[in-house]
Every structure is written in C-alpha cells, then in structure tokens.
Amino acid sequence: MTTTCELEEAAEVLGSQRHRLFGIARRILNDAGDAEDVVQDVWIRWQRADRAQVRNPAAFLTTATTRTAINVLQSARVRHEAAASSWLDDLAGTLVDPESEPLVAAERSDDVDRAIRVVVEHLNPAERAAFVLRRCFDYPYRTIADLLDLNLAHVRQLVSRAQARLHTTPPTSLDADAHRRLVSAFVTAARSGDLRELEQVLAADAAVGAATRRVA
C-alpha cells in the first residue's frame, strides 16, 4: 500500500514536471483543457506505477504524456470521422425528403466541407462514388453499377469496403481538386435536387482512378 509520504514524493516529482508535460500535451492536442486532462491522467498513472523501478521519472512522465495525448487525438479523429459519415447520411435524407427544405442543409457549408474531406481522405474514387450514391442518396446498386460501368457484385463490395474504411483506416493526403469538385457538386445537389452534376463528378473521378491503377 502506498503511504502518504510516498504519495507526497510522487506529487512533488510530478509537480516539478507539470508545466513541461502540459506543454507537450498542448502542442499535440492544441487544446488547453484536453492537455490538462492528459496531465491529470498521467498523474493517476504515476500514482499507480511501481516508482521504485523507474530510473528516470522525467522520461517516464514524458513518454506517458506523449502516448496519452496521441491516444486522445486519435480517439477524437475517429469520433469526428464517424460523425462526418453519419452527417452525410443525414444530409442525404434531407435532400430526398420532399417535406424537407434542402437549402437549409446546403447552407451548412462548413459541415459539408468537413464531411466531404473525410470521404476524400479515406476512400479511393470508386469507393467514394459508390458510397456517396448508395449511402447518401439511396441509389439502387444496379444504377450505380451502370453509372460506373462495373458489375453489381463489385459495387456492393465497394459500398461495404467504403463504410469499413471510413472508420478503420488512417486518412491519406487530401486531393484538394477532388475535394473541391465534390463539395461543389454536393452543394449544387442540395440546392436544386438535381444530382446529374454529382453523378458526373463521381463517375469521372472513378474513371480516372481506374485508368491510373491500370497504368500503374
């Protein structure tokens, strides 16, 4: 059992490092509140650690802080990506609901930008097209297959794989042109209900992506 004296010694060690640890966490998370929470978590871990076996307390606390902050950051990213995917579904539901006001959803341009960014960063062009058309606009698989010139089984696989990749794979570098085109087409669809431009953008990107893979 840890004695009061031992806890006081542990608190003294952490106190001498607190400012530095807070700085590390804040640089990783870019948020003072989250950084303070990380330092508090590290304090709890430090209390529970076998401190007699720790040769370098400063190094131990630095490593614990860095790892904890990175875990918090990754967790936040996963939550954001899941929320973005869900939001795309919600927006699409607004678009196809004749009782709704699509313009209200379209005006949420910042949300559209963030959600589409997640799709572009995580999915290849074919996955992107299949996912957006099926999950966001409830296109029949056969219609998607005809639009992308793919067989039905392949389209089903693309949709399933895209859903999984949104939540399990790290993002790639953003294709700014693809992102911009898709945001514009998505907002146009929201404002007008006319999905032809969106279909064209998705199909063209998928065709370019397929040609690139064949050359490679």
Protein backbone atom coordinates (compact mmCIF):
# COMPACT_ATOMS: atom_id res chain seq x y z
CA MET A 1 0.00 0.00 0.00
CA THR A 2 1.26 3.45 -0.91
CA THR A 3 1.99 5.59 2.12
CA THR A 4 1.16 9.27 2.47
CA CYS A 5 4.85 10.08 2.35
CA GLU A 6 5.29 8.17 -0.90
CA LEU A 7 2.33 9.97 -2.45
CA GLU A 8 3.73 13.30 -1.41
CA GLU A 9 7.04 12.40 -3.05
CA ALA A 10 5.19 11.32 -6.22
CA ALA A 11 3.25 14.59 -6.25
CA GLU A 12 6.47 16.55 -5.84
CA VAL A 13 8.06 14.80 -8.81
CA LEU A 14 5.02 15.38 -10.99
CA GLY A 15 4.73 18.96 -9.81
CA SER A 16 8.27 19.69 -10.91
CA GLN A 17 7.41 18.38 -14.39
CA ARG A 18 3.81 19.58 -14.71
CA HIS A 19 4.47 22.72 -16.75
CA ARG A 20 6.63 20.83 -19.23
CA LEU A 21 4.16 17.94 -19.51
CA PHE A 22 1.29 20.34 -20.04
CA GLY A 23 3.28 21.98 -22.84
CA ILE A 24 3.87 18.63 -24.55
CA ALA A 25 0.20 17.67 -24.38
CA ARG A 26 -0.96 21.07 -25.56
CA ARG A 27 1.35 21.02 -28.59
CA ILE A 28 -0.08 17.63 -29.61
CA LEU A 29 -3.74 18.43 -28.93
CA ASN A 30 -3.81 22.18 -29.50
CA ASP A 31 -6.30 22.50 -26.65
CA ALA A 32 -5.51 23.62 -23.10
CA GLY A 33 -8.44 21.79 -21.50
CA ASP A 34 -7.59 18.48 -23.16
CA ALA A 35 -3.94 18.95 -22.25
CA GLU A 36 -4.84 19.47 -18.59
CA ASP A 37 -6.93 16.27 -18.68
CA VAL A 38 -3.95 14.39 -20.10
CA VAL A 39 -1.68 15.61 -17.30
CA GLN A 40 -4.29 14.51 -14.76
CA ASP A 41 -4.44 11.05 -16.37
CA VAL A 42 -0.66 10.85 -16.23
CA TRP A 43 -0.74 11.79 -12.55
CA ILE A 44 -3.10 8.88 -11.87
CA ARG A 45 -0.83 6.56 -13.84
CA TRP A 46 2.20 7.86 -11.93
CA GLN A 47 0.49 7.13 -8.62
CA ARG A 48 -0.18 3.55 -9.69
CA ALA A 49 3.25 2.93 -11.18
CA ASP A 50 5.98 0.95 -9.45
CA ARG A 51 8.02 4.10 -8.99
CA ALA A 52 10.88 2.25 -7.30
CA GLN A 53 11.60 0.62 -10.68
CA VAL A 54 11.55 3.89 -12.62
CA ARG A 55 15.13 5.05 -13.14
CA ASN A 56 14.24 8.30 -14.86
CA PRO A 57 10.91 9.78 -13.66
CA ALA A 58 11.10 12.69 -16.12
CA ALA A 59 11.48 10.33 -19.08
CA PHE A 60 8.69 8.09 -17.78
CA LEU A 61 6.32 11.04 -17.40
CA THR A 62 7.26 12.44 -20.81
CA THR A 63 6.57 9.13 -22.52
CA ALA A 64 3.29 8.66 -20.65
CA THR A 65 2.16 12.17 -21.54
CA THR A 66 3.04 11.82 -25.21
CA ARG A 67 1.32 8.45 -25.57
CA THR A 68 -1.78 9.58 -23.70
CA ALA A 69 -2.09 12.75 -25.76
CA ILE A 70 -1.69 10.83 -29.03
CA ASN A 71 -4.38 8.37 -27.93
CA VAL A 72 -6.73 11.26 -27.15
CA LEU A 73 -6.00 12.81 -30.54
CA GLN A 74 -6.64 9.56 -32.42
CA SER A 75 -9.84 8.96 -30.48
CA ALA A 76 -11.09 12.43 -31.35
CA ARG A 77 -10.28 11.86 -35.02
CA VAL A 78 -12.23 8.60 -35.08
CA ARG A 79 -15.23 10.29 -33.45
CA HIS A 80 -15.05 13.12 -35.96
CA GLU A 81 -14.87 10.74 -38.92
CA ALA A 82 -17.81 8.70 -37.68
CA ALA A 83 -19.81 11.87 -37.12
CA ALA A 84 -18.95 13.11 -40.60
CA SER A 85 -20.08 9.85 -42.17
CA SER A 86 -23.31 9.93 -40.19
CA TRP A 87 -23.87 13.56 -41.11
CA LEU A 88 -23.58 12.77 -44.81
CA ASP A 89 -26.34 10.20 -44.37
CA ASP A 90 -28.48 12.77 -42.53
CA LEU A 91 -27.93 15.38 -45.22
CA ALA A 92 -28.85 12.95 -47.95
CA GLY A 93 -32.04 12.11 -46.08
CA THR A 94 -32.89 15.80 -46.07
CA LEU A 95 -32.29 16.02 -49.81
CA VAL A 96 -34.58 13.18 -50.79
CA ASP A 97 -37.35 14.04 -48.32
CA PRO A 98 -39.99 16.03 -50.25
CA GLU A 99 -41.23 17.56 -46.99
CA SER A 100 -37.84 19.00 -46.07
CA GLU A 101 -36.04 22.20 -47.01
CA PRO A 102 -32.80 21.16 -48.76
CA LEU A 103 -31.45 24.70 -48.82
CA VAL A 104 -31.23 24.69 -45.03
CA ALA A 105 -28.85 21.74 -45.19
CA ALA A 106 -26.91 23.20 -48.10
CA GLU A 107 -26.19 26.36 -46.16
CA ARG A 108 -24.18 24.33 -43.68
CA SER A 109 -21.20 24.75 -45.98
CA ASP A 110 -18.57 24.24 -43.29
CA ASP A 111 -20.15 20.93 -42.31
CA VAL A 112 -20.32 19.84 -45.94
CA ASP A 113 -16.66 20.72 -46.41
CA ARG A 114 -15.55 18.73 -43.35
CA ALA A 115 -17.69 15.70 -44.15
CA ILE A 116 -16.59 15.52 -47.79
CA ARG A 117 -12.97 15.97 -46.69
CA VAL A 118 -13.25 12.77 -44.64
CA VAL A 119 -14.68 10.88 -47.61
CA VAL A 120 -11.94 12.09 -49.97
CA GLU A 121 -9.13 11.40 -47.48
CA HIS A 122 -10.27 7.85 -46.70
CA LEU A 123 -11.79 6.45 -49.90
CA ASN A 124 -10.47 5.90 -53.40
CA PRO A 125 -12.56 7.39 -56.24
CA ALA A 126 -14.59 4.23 -56.94
CA GLU A 127 -15.35 3.69 -53.25
CA ARG A 128 -16.22 7.36 -52.93
CA ALA A 129 -18.70 7.23 -55.81
CA ALA A 130 -20.38 4.03 -54.67
CA PHE A 131 -20.61 5.14 -51.05
CA VAL A 132 -21.99 8.63 -51.72
CA LEU A 133 -24.56 7.46 -54.25
CA ARG A 134 -25.73 4.47 -52.22
CA ARG A 135 -25.49 5.63 -48.62
CA CYS A 136 -26.19 9.31 -49.14
CA PHE A 137 -28.74 9.22 -51.95
CA ASP A 138 -30.10 5.66 -51.79
CA TYR A 139 -29.26 4.86 -55.41
CA PRO A 140 -30.01 1.25 -56.41
CA TYR A 141 -26.90 -0.86 -56.75
CA ARG A 142 -27.78 -1.56 -60.38
CA THR A 143 -27.95 2.17 -61.19
CA ILE A 144 -24.55 2.72 -59.58
CA ALA A 145 -23.11 -0.23 -61.50
CA ASP A 146 -24.36 1.20 -64.80
CA LEU A 147 -23.06 4.68 -63.96
CA LEU A 148 -19.59 3.42 -63.02
CA ASP A 149 -19.51 0.67 -65.67
CA LEU A 150 -18.98 -2.02 -63.02
CA ASN A 151 -20.69 -5.29 -62.23
CA LEU A 152 -23.25 -5.47 -59.44
CA ALA A 153 -21.13 -7.58 -57.09
CA HIS A 154 -18.24 -5.15 -57.37
CA VAL A 155 -20.46 -2.21 -56.47
CA ARG A 156 -21.80 -3.98 -53.39
CA GLN A 157 -18.23 -4.73 -52.36
CA LEU A 158 -17.22 -1.09 -52.87
CA VAL A 159 -20.01 0.20 -50.63
CA SER A 160 -19.23 -2.30 -47.88
CA ARG A 161 -15.50 -1.63 -48.07
CA ALA A 162 -16.01 2.13 -48.08
CA GLN A 163 -18.10 2.02 -44.92
CA ALA A 164 -15.42 -0.01 -43.15
CA ARG A 165 -12.53 2.15 -44.38
CA LEU A 166 -14.14 5.35 -43.12
CA HIS A 167 -13.84 4.05 -39.57
CA THR A 168 -10.74 1.89 -39.63
CA THR A 169 -8.11 3.36 -41.92
CA PRO A 170 -5.92 6.44 -41.43
CA PRO A 171 -6.52 9.36 -43.78
CA THR A 172 -4.33 9.90 -46.84
CA SER A 173 -3.15 13.29 -48.05
CA LEU A 174 -6.07 15.35 -49.29
CA ASP A 175 -6.67 15.59 -53.05
CA ALA A 176 -7.67 19.25 -53.00
CA ASP A 177 -9.12 19.25 -56.52
CA ALA A 178 -11.27 16.19 -55.89
CA HIS A 179 -12.41 17.67 -52.60
CA ARG A 180 -13.37 20.98 -54.19
CA ARG A 181 -15.25 19.34 -57.09
CA LEU A 182 -17.21 17.04 -54.82
CA VAL A 183 -18.15 19.77 -52.35
CA SER A 184 -19.41 21.95 -55.20
CA ALA A 185 -21.44 19.13 -56.74
CA PHE A 186 -22.84 18.09 -53.36
CA VAL A 187 -23.98 21.63 -52.54
CA THR A 188 -25.48 22.03 -56.01
CA ALA A 189 -27.47 18.85 -55.47
CA ALA A 190 -28.62 20.13 -52.09
CA ARG A 191 -29.82 23.41 -53.54
CA SER A 192 -31.51 22.09 -56.66
CA GLY A 193 -32.24 18.42 -56.08
CA ASP A 194 -30.60 17.78 -59.47
CA LEU A 195 -27.96 15.08 -58.99
CA ARG A 196 -26.62 14.99 -62.54
CA GLU A 197 -23.54 17.09 -61.78
CA LEU A 198 -22.79 14.95 -58.71
CA GLU A 199 -23.09 11.79 -60.81
CA GLN A 200 -20.75 13.23 -63.44
CA VAL A 201 -18.12 14.28 -60.90
CA LEU A 202 -18.15 10.94 -59.10
CA ALA A 203 -18.13 8.88 -62.31
CA ALA A 204 -15.33 10.94 -63.88
CA ASP A 205 -13.13 10.67 -60.79
CA ALA A 206 -13.77 6.92 -60.62
CA ALA A 207 -12.83 6.50 -64.28
CA VAL A 208 -9.59 8.47 -63.84
CA GLY A 209 -8.78 6.45 -60.73
CA ALA A 210 -9.34 3.17 -62.58
CA ALA A 211 -7.18 4.27 -65.52
CA THR A 212 -4.40 5.33 -63.16
CA ARG A 213 -4.41 1.94 -61.45
CA ARG A 214 -4.25 0.14 -64.80
CA VAL A 215 -1.22 2.17 -65.90
CA ALA A 216 0.49 1.59 -62.56
